[in-house]
């Protein structure tokens, strides 16, 4: 009887461990500020299926870090190819579980579009019709192997409309893309996709701090905690010169 009980306990424990492998882990961004984040994935023809899976694991960790919802953080995703694909808009997935399932089924697309085409596609996501909110911080995270000249032109278009830009480069060569300032908190580079998870904690902590937008947290003891310092933000315009009015309503714990 004791032997049978031990076998049942081992089977039950194995089942829990298998289930836990698919559950997100790590801390949460504790800010309650709204943020609209667009993830842009650019994979050249050199990217293997294994690299694509590593990238999906990286995206999963980022999403797992945030509180997702219509009054919280929203995340859209674009894949760069010959014709950039909007996989989903900012308001398509209103729960964390829905976003994680979408990432799990994200297809691999390869190629490179023109910078203007990609910039136009990204700009379409930073619109109220795609779920962008008037009182949110707008952030773009460009994940690339660094070989796409279109990304540099697209990132310049985003900077022109005051979108905060993070660059995640997976390469060893020269990088031709410019992130937002300060570069040390907005630019990350790894030599191989297998190292993406090594930087994900620093990336998500910086993203969390960006989400509070018009204030900066200093002297905190954990992500998104600390003393608030005010900063300024310039008015936004879209790619065609139209003004975007931004109103901030922050409630930070």
C-alpha atoms as a PDB file:
ATOM      1  CA  UNK A   1       0.000   0.000   0.000  1.00  0.00           C
ATOM      2  CA  UNK A   2       2.831   2.364   0.935  1.00  0.00           C
ATOM      3  CA  UNK A   3       4.513   1.573  -2.374  1.00  0.00           C
ATOM      4  CA  UNK A   4       1.336   2.380  -4.316  1.00  0.00           C
ATOM      5  CA  UNK A   5       0.911   5.641  -2.409  1.00  0.00           C
ATOM      6  CA  UNK A   6       4.481   6.634  -3.194  1.00  0.00           C
ATOM      7  CA  UNK A   7       3.928   5.950  -6.903  1.00  0.00           C
ATOM      8  CA  UNK A   8       0.761   8.087  -6.910  1.00  0.00           C
ATOM      9  CA  UNK A   9       2.571  10.951  -5.161  1.00  0.00           C
ATOM     10  CA  UNK A  10       5.409  10.810  -7.696  1.00  0.00           C
ATOM     11  CA  UNK A  11       2.950  10.847 -10.603  1.00  0.00           C
ATOM     12  CA  UNK A  12       1.093  13.800  -9.100  1.00  0.00           C
ATOM     13  CA  UNK A  13       4.360  15.693  -8.526  1.00  0.00           C
ATOM     14  CA  UNK A  14       5.489  15.024 -12.113  1.00  0.00           C
ATOM     15  CA  UNK A  15       2.206  16.373 -13.424  1.00  0.00           C
ATOM     16  CA  UNK A  16       2.596  19.595 -11.465  1.00  0.00           C
ATOM     17  CA  UNK A  17       6.138  20.088 -12.750  1.00  0.00           C
ATOM     18  CA  UNK A  18       5.023  19.563 -16.359  1.00  0.00           C
ATOM     19  CA  UNK A  19       2.229  22.080 -15.895  1.00  0.00           C
ATOM     20  CA  UNK A  20       4.542  24.639 -14.273  1.00  0.00           C
ATOM     21  CA  UNK A  21       6.834  24.585 -17.317  1.00  0.00           C
ATOM     22  CA  UNK A  22       4.107  26.367 -19.272  1.00  0.00           C
ATOM     23  CA  UNK A  23       3.297  28.953 -16.627  1.00  0.00           C
ATOM     24  CA  UNK A  24       4.868  32.434 -16.634  1.00  0.00           C
ATOM     25  CA  UNK A  25       7.241  33.103 -13.741  1.00  0.00           C
ATOM     26  CA  UNK A  26       8.954  36.124 -12.283  1.00  0.00           C
ATOM     27  CA  UNK A  27       7.845  39.414 -10.731  1.00  0.00           C
ATOM     28  CA  UNK A  28       5.165  41.790 -11.942  1.00  0.00           C
ATOM     29  CA  UNK A  29       5.333  45.421 -12.979  1.00  0.00           C
ATOM     30  CA  UNK A  30       3.583  47.164 -10.110  1.00  0.00           C
ATOM     31  CA  UNK A  31       2.709  50.381 -11.939  1.00  0.00           C
ATOM     32  CA  UNK A  32      -0.979  51.032 -12.588  1.00  0.00           C
ATOM     33  CA  UNK A  33      -0.237  53.577 -15.325  1.00  0.00           C
ATOM     34  CA  UNK A  34      -1.583  52.873 -18.806  1.00  0.00           C
ATOM     35  CA  UNK A  35       0.845  51.912 -21.562  1.00  0.00           C
ATOM     36  CA  UNK A  36       0.334  51.002 -25.214  1.00  0.00           C
ATOM     37  CA  UNK A  37       3.258  48.836 -26.307  1.00  0.00           C
ATOM     38  CA  UNK A  38       3.868  47.653 -29.869  1.00  0.00           C
ATOM     39  CA  UNK A  39       6.276  44.749 -30.344  1.00  0.00           C
ATOM     40  CA  UNK A  40       7.915  44.651 -33.767  1.00  0.00           C
ATOM     41  CA  UNK A  41       9.616  41.394 -34.736  1.00  0.00           C
ATOM     42  CA  UNK A  42      12.004  41.422 -37.704  1.00  0.00           C
ATOM     43  CA  UNK A  43      13.521  38.080 -38.690  1.00  0.00           C
ATOM     44  CA  UNK A  44      15.772  37.737 -41.714  1.00  0.00           C
ATOM     45  CA  UNK A  45      16.107  34.621 -43.843  1.00  0.00           C
ATOM     46  CA  UNK A  46      18.960  33.406 -41.619  1.00  0.00           C
ATOM     47  CA  UNK A  47      16.674  32.935 -38.607  1.00  0.00           C
ATOM     48  CA  UNK A  48      16.098  29.274 -37.785  1.00  0.00           C
ATOM     49  CA  UNK A  49      12.938  27.741 -36.254  1.00  0.00           C
ATOM     50  CA  UNK A  50      14.879  27.394 -33.002  1.00  0.00           C
ATOM     51  CA  UNK A  51      15.680  31.121 -33.048  1.00  0.00           C
ATOM     52  CA  UNK A  52      11.990  31.830 -33.596  1.00  0.00           C
ATOM     53  CA  UNK A  53      11.062  29.726 -30.568  1.00  0.00           C
ATOM     54  CA  UNK A  54      13.649  31.580 -28.467  1.00  0.00           C
ATOM     55  CA  UNK A  55      12.127  34.869 -29.563  1.00  0.00           C
ATOM     56  CA  UNK A  56       8.640  33.634 -28.610  1.00  0.00           C
ATOM     57  CA  UNK A  57       9.918  32.677 -25.153  1.00  0.00           C
ATOM     58  CA  UNK A  58      11.333  36.196 -24.823  1.00  0.00           C
ATOM     59  CA  UNK A  59       7.986  37.749 -25.806  1.00  0.00           C
ATOM     60  CA  UNK A  60       6.177  35.466 -23.364  1.00  0.00           C
ATOM     61  CA  UNK A  61       8.343  36.694 -20.488  1.00  0.00           C
ATOM     62  CA  UNK A  62       7.695  40.331 -21.421  1.00  0.00           C
ATOM     63  CA  UNK A  63       3.921  39.867 -21.543  1.00  0.00           C
ATOM     64  CA  UNK A  64       3.946  37.854 -18.294  1.00  0.00           C
ATOM     65  CA  UNK A  65       5.540  40.806 -16.505  1.00  0.00           C
ATOM     66  CA  UNK A  66       2.651  43.221 -17.150  1.00  0.00           C
ATOM     67  CA  UNK A  67      -0.927  43.554 -15.976  1.00  0.00           C
ATOM     68  CA  UNK A  68      -2.846  43.343 -19.255  1.00  0.00           C
ATOM     69  CA  UNK A  69      -6.239  44.961 -19.780  1.00  0.00           C
ATOM     70  CA  UNK A  70      -8.210  47.820 -21.376  1.00  0.00           C
ATOM     71  CA  UNK A  71      -7.385  50.130 -18.457  1.00  0.00           C
ATOM     72  CA  UNK A  72      -3.864  48.793 -17.941  1.00  0.00           C
ATOM     73  CA  UNK A  73      -1.170  47.699 -20.414  1.00  0.00           C
ATOM     74  CA  UNK A  74      -2.096  46.832 -24.000  1.00  0.00           C
ATOM     75  CA  UNK A  75       0.297  45.100 -26.391  1.00  0.00           C
ATOM     76  CA  UNK A  76       0.118  44.895 -30.187  1.00  0.00           C
ATOM     77  CA  UNK A  77       2.494  43.031 -32.481  1.00  0.00           C
ATOM     78  CA  UNK A  78       3.845  43.534 -35.998  1.00  0.00           C
ATOM     79  CA  UNK A  79       6.095  41.167 -37.943  1.00  0.00           C
ATOM     80  CA  UNK A  80       8.357  42.653 -40.583  1.00  0.00           C
ATOM     81  CA  UNK A  81       8.350  40.836 -43.919  1.00  0.00           C
ATOM     82  CA  UNK A  82       8.017  41.830 -47.563  1.00  0.00           C
ATOM     83  CA  UNK A  83       4.601  43.081 -46.518  1.00  0.00           C
ATOM     84  CA  UNK A  84       4.612  43.930 -42.790  1.00  0.00           C
ATOM     85  CA  UNK A  85       1.916  41.969 -40.977  1.00  0.00           C
ATOM     86  CA  UNK A  86      -0.100  43.351 -38.066  1.00  0.00           C
ATOM     87  CA  UNK A  87      -0.585  40.132 -36.130  1.00  0.00           C
ATOM     88  CA  UNK A  88      -2.847  41.868 -33.627  1.00  0.00           C
ATOM     89  CA  UNK A  89      -3.762  45.404 -32.616  1.00  0.00           C
ATOM     90  CA  UNK A  90      -3.369  46.998 -29.214  1.00  0.00           C
ATOM     91  CA  UNK A  91      -6.927  46.174 -28.180  1.00  0.00           C
ATOM     92  CA  UNK A  92      -7.197  42.723 -29.781  1.00  0.00           C
ATOM     93  CA  UNK A  93      -6.184  40.769 -26.667  1.00  0.00           C
ATOM     94  CA  UNK A  94      -7.611  42.152 -23.444  1.00  0.00           C
ATOM     95  CA  UNK A  95      -6.300  39.468 -21.092  1.00  0.00           C
ATOM     96  CA  UNK A  96      -2.823  38.152 -20.378  1.00  0.00           C
ATOM     97  CA  UNK A  97      -3.888  34.575 -21.135  1.00  0.00           C
ATOM     98  CA  UNK A  98      -5.207  35.574 -24.568  1.00  0.00           C
ATOM     99  CA  UNK A  99      -1.926  37.348 -25.380  1.00  0.00           C
ATOM    100  CA  UNK A 100       0.169  34.397 -24.248  1.00  0.00           C
ATOM    101  CA  UNK A 101      -1.852  32.016 -26.411  1.00  0.00           C
ATOM    102  CA  UNK A 102      -1.404  34.336 -29.415  1.00  0.00           C
ATOM    103  CA  UNK A 103       2.363  34.395 -28.909  1.00  0.00           C
ATOM    104  CA  UNK A 104       2.431  30.611 -28.586  1.00  0.00           C
ATOM    105  CA  UNK A 105       0.843  30.343 -32.054  1.00  0.00           C
ATOM    106  CA  UNK A 106       2.843  33.179 -33.649  1.00  0.00           C
ATOM    107  CA  UNK A 107       3.950  32.085 -37.140  1.00  0.00           C
ATOM    108  CA  UNK A 108       7.465  32.689 -38.406  1.00  0.00           C
ATOM    109  CA  UNK A 109       7.689  35.285 -41.169  1.00  0.00           C
ATOM    110  CA  UNK A 110      10.907  36.259 -42.919  1.00  0.00           C
ATOM    111  CA  UNK A 111      11.856  39.150 -45.144  1.00  0.00           C
ATOM    112  CA  UNK A 112      12.345  42.880 -45.225  1.00  0.00           C
ATOM    113  CA  UNK A 113      10.002  45.650 -46.313  1.00  0.00           C
ATOM    114  CA  UNK A 114      10.710  49.254 -47.202  1.00  0.00           C
ATOM    115  CA  UNK A 115      11.205  51.576 -44.252  1.00  0.00           C
ATOM    116  CA  UNK A 116       8.290  53.787 -45.269  1.00  0.00           C
ATOM    117  CA  UNK A 117       5.974  50.785 -45.533  1.00  0.00           C
ATOM    118  CA  UNK A 118       7.021  49.438 -42.156  1.00  0.00           C
ATOM    119  CA  UNK A 119       6.819  52.882 -40.562  1.00  0.00           C
ATOM    120  CA  UNK A 120       3.324  53.365 -41.948  1.00  0.00           C
ATOM    121  CA  UNK A 121       2.267  49.960 -40.596  1.00  0.00           C
ATOM    122  CA  UNK A 122       3.628  50.736 -37.126  1.00  0.00           C
ATOM    123  CA  UNK A 123       2.002  54.159 -37.180  1.00  0.00           C
ATOM    124  CA  UNK A 124      -1.377  52.518 -37.895  1.00  0.00           C
ATOM    125  CA  UNK A 125      -1.143  50.768 -34.520  1.00  0.00           C
ATOM    126  CA  UNK A 126      -0.590  54.011 -32.653  1.00  0.00           C
ATOM    127  CA  UNK A 127      -4.074  55.219 -33.517  1.00  0.00           C
ATOM    128  CA  UNK A 128      -7.362  55.241 -31.536  1.00  0.00           C
ATOM    129  CA  UNK A 129      -8.872  52.952 -34.172  1.00  0.00           C
ATOM    130  CA  UNK A 130      -6.315  50.290 -33.209  1.00  0.00           C
ATOM    131  CA  UNK A 131      -6.966  50.703 -29.489  1.00  0.00           C
ATOM    132  CA  UNK A 132      -4.481  53.439 -28.559  1.00  0.00           C
ATOM    133  CA  UNK A 133      -5.705  55.456 -25.592  1.00  0.00           C
ATOM    134  CA  UNK A 134      -5.366  59.213 -25.164  1.00  0.00           C
ATOM    135  CA  UNK A 135      -3.871  58.904 -21.680  1.00  0.00           C
ATOM    136  CA  UNK A 136      -1.326  56.147 -22.318  1.00  0.00           C
ATOM    137  CA  UNK A 137       2.428  56.075 -22.684  1.00  0.00           C
ATOM    138  CA  UNK A 138       3.387  54.838 -26.206  1.00  0.00           C
ATOM    139  CA  UNK A 139       6.329  52.470 -26.544  1.00  0.00           C
ATOM    140  CA  UNK A 140       7.733  50.479 -29.458  1.00  0.00           C
ATOM    141  CA  UNK A 141      10.025  47.500 -28.918  1.00  0.00           C
ATOM    142  CA  UNK A 142      11.930  46.555 -32.089  1.00  0.00           C
ATOM    143  CA  UNK A 143      13.418  43.052 -32.008  1.00  0.00           C
ATOM    144  CA  UNK A 144      15.788  42.422 -34.887  1.00  0.00           C
ATOM    145  CA  UNK A 145      18.932  40.702 -36.110  1.00  0.00           C
ATOM    146  CA  UNK A 146      20.198  44.207 -36.931  1.00  0.00           C
ATOM    147  CA  UNK A 147      20.526  43.702 -40.680  1.00  0.00           C
ATOM    148  CA  UNK A 148      17.424  45.560 -41.801  1.00  0.00           C
ATOM    149  CA  UNK A 149      17.937  49.082 -43.127  1.00  0.00           C
ATOM    150  CA  UNK A 150      14.156  49.500 -43.126  1.00  0.00           C
ATOM    151  CA  UNK A 151      14.132  49.416 -39.333  1.00  0.00           C
ATOM    152  CA  UNK A 152      16.341  52.497 -39.061  1.00  0.00           C
ATOM    153  CA  UNK A 153      13.963  54.488 -41.264  1.00  0.00           C
ATOM    154  CA  UNK A 154      10.943  53.135 -39.380  1.00  0.00           C
ATOM    155  CA  UNK A 155      12.478  53.968 -35.993  1.00  0.00           C
ATOM    156  CA  UNK A 156      13.118  57.527 -37.183  1.00  0.00           C
ATOM    157  CA  UNK A 157       9.465  57.855 -38.176  1.00  0.00           C
ATOM    158  CA  UNK A 158       8.436  56.662 -34.715  1.00  0.00           C
ATOM    159  CA  UNK A 159      10.791  59.114 -33.014  1.00  0.00           C
ATOM    160  CA  UNK A 160       9.242  61.878 -35.116  1.00  0.00           C
ATOM    161  CA  UNK A 161       5.878  61.180 -33.444  1.00  0.00           C
ATOM    162  CA  UNK A 162       7.423  60.933 -29.954  1.00  0.00           C
ATOM    163  CA  UNK A 163       7.176  57.163 -29.572  1.00  0.00           C
ATOM    164  CA  UNK A 164       9.671  55.812 -27.049  1.00  0.00           C
ATOM    165  CA  UNK A 165      11.792  53.154 -28.756  1.00  0.00           C
ATOM    166  CA  UNK A 166      13.566  50.118 -27.366  1.00  0.00           C
ATOM    167  CA  UNK A 167      15.927  48.104 -29.565  1.00  0.00           C
ATOM    168  CA  UNK A 168      16.647  44.413 -28.933  1.00  0.00           C
ATOM    169  CA  UNK A 169      19.414  43.392 -31.331  1.00  0.00           C
ATOM    170  CA  UNK A 170      20.377  39.767 -31.886  1.00  0.00           C
ATOM    171  CA  UNK A 171      23.644  40.038 -33.785  1.00  0.00           C
ATOM    172  CA  UNK A 172      27.389  40.560 -33.531  1.00  0.00           C
ATOM    173  CA  UNK A 173      27.872  43.122 -36.277  1.00  0.00           C
ATOM    174  CA  UNK A 174      27.255  46.798 -36.805  1.00  0.00           C
ATOM    175  CA  UNK A 175      23.910  48.092 -35.616  1.00  0.00           C
ATOM    176  CA  UNK A 176      22.213  50.669 -37.817  1.00  0.00           C
ATOM    177  CA  UNK A 177      19.162  51.396 -35.664  1.00  0.00           C
ATOM    178  CA  UNK A 178      18.841  54.194 -33.105  1.00  0.00           C
ATOM    179  CA  UNK A 179      16.917  53.765 -29.857  1.00  0.00           C
ATOM    180  CA  UNK A 180      15.534  56.457 -27.563  1.00  0.00           C
ATOM    181  CA  UNK A 181      17.767  58.180 -25.048  1.00  0.00           C
ATOM    182  CA  UNK A 182      19.363  57.235 -22.788  1.00  0.00           C
ATOM    183  CA  UNK A 183      20.783  54.435 -24.915  1.00  0.00           C
ATOM    184  CA  UNK A 184      21.999  52.393 -21.949  1.00  0.00           C
ATOM    185  CA  UNK A 185      18.396  51.772 -20.850  1.00  0.00           C
ATOM    186  CA  UNK A 186      16.834  51.452 -24.320  1.00  0.00           C
ATOM    187  CA  UNK A 187      19.371  49.417 -26.295  1.00  0.00           C
ATOM    188  CA  UNK A 188      20.103  45.741 -25.658  1.00  0.00           C
ATOM    189  CA  UNK A 189      22.244  43.369 -27.662  1.00  0.00           C
ATOM    190  CA  UNK A 190      22.910  39.649 -27.538  1.00  0.00           C
ATOM    191  CA  UNK A 191      25.081  37.624 -29.883  1.00  0.00           C
ATOM    192  CA  UNK A 192      22.614  34.764 -30.179  1.00  0.00           C
ATOM    193  CA  UNK A 193      18.871  34.275 -29.618  1.00  0.00           C
ATOM    194  CA  UNK A 194      19.599  31.710 -26.905  1.00  0.00           C
ATOM    195  CA  UNK A 195      20.768  34.616 -24.698  1.00  0.00           C
ATOM    196  CA  UNK A 196      17.542  36.630 -24.967  1.00  0.00           C
ATOM    197  CA  UNK A 197      16.228  35.342 -21.650  1.00  0.00           C
ATOM    198  CA  UNK A 198      19.431  36.576 -19.990  1.00  0.00           C
ATOM    199  CA  UNK A 199      18.414  40.191 -20.648  1.00  0.00           C
ATOM    200  CA  UNK A 200      14.635  39.937 -20.300  1.00  0.00           C
ATOM    201  CA  UNK A 201      14.554  41.041 -16.641  1.00  0.00           C
ATOM    202  CA  UNK A 202      16.446  44.261 -17.388  1.00  0.00           C
ATOM    203  CA  UNK A 203      14.294  44.914 -20.454  1.00  0.00           C
ATOM    204  CA  UNK A 204      11.014  44.473 -18.588  1.00  0.00           C
ATOM    205  CA  UNK A 205      12.108  46.570 -15.611  1.00  0.00           C
ATOM    206  CA  UNK A 206      13.025  49.434 -17.939  1.00  0.00           C
ATOM    207  CA  UNK A 207       9.748  49.029 -19.829  1.00  0.00           C
ATOM    208  CA  UNK A 208       7.882  49.167 -16.543  1.00  0.00           C
ATOM    209  CA  UNK A 209       9.644  52.397 -15.613  1.00  0.00           C
ATOM    210  CA  UNK A 210       8.810  53.818 -19.050  1.00  0.00           C
ATOM    211  CA  UNK A 211       5.138  53.030 -18.463  1.00  0.00           C
ATOM    212  CA  UNK A 212       4.909  55.720 -15.789  1.00  0.00           C
ATOM    213  CA  UNK A 213       5.873  58.209 -18.515  1.00  0.00           C
ATOM    214  CA  UNK A 214       5.746  61.748 -17.127  1.00  0.00           C
ATOM    215  CA  UNK A 215       7.455  60.731 -13.906  1.00  0.00           C
ATOM    216  CA  UNK A 216      10.677  58.873 -13.189  1.00  0.00           C
ATOM    217  CA  UNK A 217      11.153  56.473 -10.299  1.00  0.00           C
ATOM    218  CA  UNK A 218      14.413  56.759  -8.374  1.00  0.00           C
ATOM    219  CA  UNK A 219      15.884  55.044  -5.317  1.00  0.00           C
ATOM    220  CA  UNK A 220      13.403  52.177  -5.511  1.00  0.00           C
ATOM    221  CA  UNK A 221      14.020  48.809  -3.900  1.00  0.00           C
ATOM    222  CA  UNK A 222      12.077  46.818  -6.532  1.00  0.00           C
ATOM    223  CA  UNK A 223      10.727  47.292 -10.105  1.00  0.00           C
ATOM    224  CA  UNK A 224       8.453  50.329 -10.461  1.00  0.00           C
ATOM    225  CA  UNK A 225       8.899  51.539  -6.894  1.00  0.00           C
ATOM    226  CA  UNK A 226      10.684  54.548  -5.463  1.00  0.00           C
ATOM    227  CA  UNK A 227      10.506  58.336  -5.304  1.00  0.00           C
ATOM    228  CA  UNK A 228       8.792  60.126  -8.195  1.00  0.00           C
ATOM    229  CA  UNK A 229      10.624  62.784 -10.195  1.00  0.00           C
ATOM    230  CA  UNK A 230       8.711  64.732 -12.833  1.00  0.00           C
ATOM    231  CA  UNK A 231       9.910  64.880 -16.411  1.00  0.00           C
ATOM    232  CA  UNK A 232       8.615  66.672 -19.484  1.00  0.00           C
ATOM    233  CA  UNK A 233       7.112  65.246 -22.633  1.00  0.00           C
ATOM    234  CA  UNK A 234       6.679  66.959 -25.952  1.00  0.00           C
ATOM    235  CA  UNK A 235       3.357  66.949 -27.821  1.00  0.00           C
ATOM    236  CA  UNK A 236       2.841  64.142 -30.314  1.00  0.00           C
ATOM    237  CA  UNK A 237       2.038  64.333 -33.980  1.00  0.00           C
ATOM    238  CA  UNK A 238       1.280  61.529 -36.358  1.00  0.00           C
ATOM    239  CA  UNK A 239       3.276  60.773 -39.499  1.00  0.00           C
ATOM    240  CA  UNK A 240       1.178  63.218 -41.481  1.00  0.00           C
ATOM    241  CA  UNK A 241       1.467  66.190 -39.140  1.00  0.00           C
ATOM    242  CA  UNK A 242      -1.798  65.792 -37.235  1.00  0.00           C
ATOM    243  CA  UNK A 243      -1.627  66.708 -33.562  1.00  0.00           C
ATOM    244  CA  UNK A 244      -2.327  64.094 -30.904  1.00  0.00           C
ATOM    245  CA  UNK A 245      -3.497  65.502 -27.581  1.00  0.00           C
ATOM    246  CA  UNK A 246      -2.174  63.542 -24.606  1.00  0.00           C
ATOM    247  CA  UNK A 247      -3.670  63.689 -21.116  1.00  0.00           C
ATOM    248  CA  UNK A 248      -2.059  61.805 -18.213  1.00  0.00           C
ATOM    249  CA  UNK A 249      -3.860  60.186 -15.320  1.00  0.00           C
ATOM    250  CA  UNK A 250      -1.434  58.200 -13.160  1.00  0.00           C
ATOM    251  CA  UNK A 251      -2.119  56.250  -9.998  1.00  0.00           C
ATOM    252  CA  UNK A 252       1.158  54.727  -8.810  1.00  0.00           C
ATOM    253  CA  UNK A 253       1.493  52.430  -5.811  1.00  0.00           C
END
